[in-house]
Amino acid sequence: VHWVANASANNSTGFTALGSGFYYDGYMYFRQQTYFWTSTISGGDYKAYTMNAYNSEIVESSVSNYSNTRFSLRCVKD
């Protein structure tokens, strides 16, 4: 995750995530964070991963109100 100017960013993984933010009753966190749905459901909640632009932190989150939430999708060829 390196869409904000960051001298220590090197894209060593080869995956560049862009700060798309998310939609929930309006767009939020554009160019600050990005969220990706996972295929995991746990306890009735869908899981999503959050990436923060400022510290490259990756966090797994539960999303209970998924029908009103819009996150990015990343397709991975198996």
Protein backbone atom coordinates (compact mmCIF):
# COMPACT_ATOMS: atom_id res chain seq x y z
CA VAL A 1 0.00 0.00 0.00
CA HIS A 2 1.84 3.08 -1.11
CA TRP A 3 -0.45 5.62 -2.74
CA VAL A 4 0.70 8.36 -0.38
CA ALA A 5 4.23 9.66 -0.93
CA ASN A 6 6.35 7.49 1.33
CA ALA A 7 10.13 7.22 1.00
CA SER A 8 10.19 3.78 2.64
CA ALA A 9 7.60 2.24 0.27
CA ASN A 10 9.07 -0.29 -2.14
CA ASN A 11 6.13 -2.40 -3.40
CA SER A 12 8.07 -5.56 -2.52
CA THR A 13 4.90 -7.65 -2.75
CA GLY A 14 4.10 -6.52 -6.29
CA PHE A 15 0.55 -5.66 -5.26
CA THR A 16 -0.39 -1.98 -5.31
CA ALA A 17 -3.57 -1.13 -3.43
CA LEU A 18 -5.13 2.23 -4.15
CA GLY A 19 -6.96 4.26 -1.53
CA SER A 20 -10.46 3.72 -2.85
CA GLY A 21 -12.12 4.22 0.52
CA PHE A 22 -15.57 2.70 0.85
CA TYR A 23 -19.23 3.57 0.54
CA TYR A 24 -21.63 3.54 3.48
CA ASP A 25 -24.23 6.28 3.35
CA GLY A 26 -21.70 8.28 1.33
CA TYR A 27 -18.07 7.86 0.30
CA MET A 28 -15.48 7.80 3.08
CA TYR A 29 -11.67 7.64 3.43
CA PHE A 30 -10.84 8.16 -0.26
CA ARG A 31 -7.04 8.10 -0.69
CA GLN A 32 -6.68 7.18 2.98
CA GLN A 33 -7.80 3.59 3.35
CA THR A 34 -8.98 0.72 1.22
CA TYR A 35 -11.13 -2.25 2.08
CA PHE A 36 -11.40 -5.65 0.40
CA TRP A 37 -14.09 -8.25 0.92
CA THR A 38 -12.96 -11.75 1.80
CA SER A 39 -14.87 -14.94 1.07
CA THR A 40 -15.04 -15.72 4.80
CA ILE A 41 -18.29 -15.63 6.77
CA SER A 42 -18.06 -16.00 10.55
CA GLY A 43 -21.01 -15.85 12.93
CA GLY A 44 -23.25 -14.37 10.24
CA ASP A 45 -20.84 -11.51 9.54
CA TYR A 46 -18.81 -11.13 6.39
CA LYS A 47 -15.10 -10.46 6.76
CA ALA A 48 -13.19 -7.63 5.13
CA TYR A 49 -9.57 -6.55 5.18
CA THR A 50 -8.69 -2.92 5.81
CA MET A 51 -5.47 -1.31 4.60
CA ASN A 52 -4.39 2.01 6.05
CA ALA A 53 -2.33 4.32 3.83
CA TYR A 54 -0.40 5.94 6.63
CA ASN A 55 1.16 2.94 8.33
CA SER A 56 0.42 0.07 5.90
CA GLU A 57 -1.47 -1.68 8.68
CA ILE A 58 -3.68 -4.56 7.50
CA VAL A 59 -6.60 -5.46 9.78
CA GLU A 60 -9.32 -8.09 9.45
CA SER A 61 -12.74 -6.66 10.28
CA SER A 62 -16.23 -8.09 10.68
CA VAL A 63 -18.97 -6.36 8.71
CA SER A 64 -22.50 -7.03 9.92
CA ASN A 65 -24.35 -4.44 7.83
CA TYR A 66 -22.89 -5.72 4.57
CA SER A 67 -25.94 -5.03 2.40
CA ASN A 68 -25.36 -1.26 2.71
CA THR A 69 -21.56 -1.33 2.59
CA ARG A 70 -19.52 -1.12 -0.62
CA PHE A 71 -15.91 -2.31 -0.58
CA SER A 72 -13.47 -3.14 -3.35
CA LEU A 73 -13.08 -6.62 -4.79
CA ARG A 74 -9.80 -8.28 -5.63
CA CYS A 75 -10.04 -11.32 -7.86
CA VAL A 76 -7.33 -13.94 -7.45
CA LYS A 77 -6.83 -16.62 -10.08
CA ASP A 78 -6.51 -20.02 -8.42
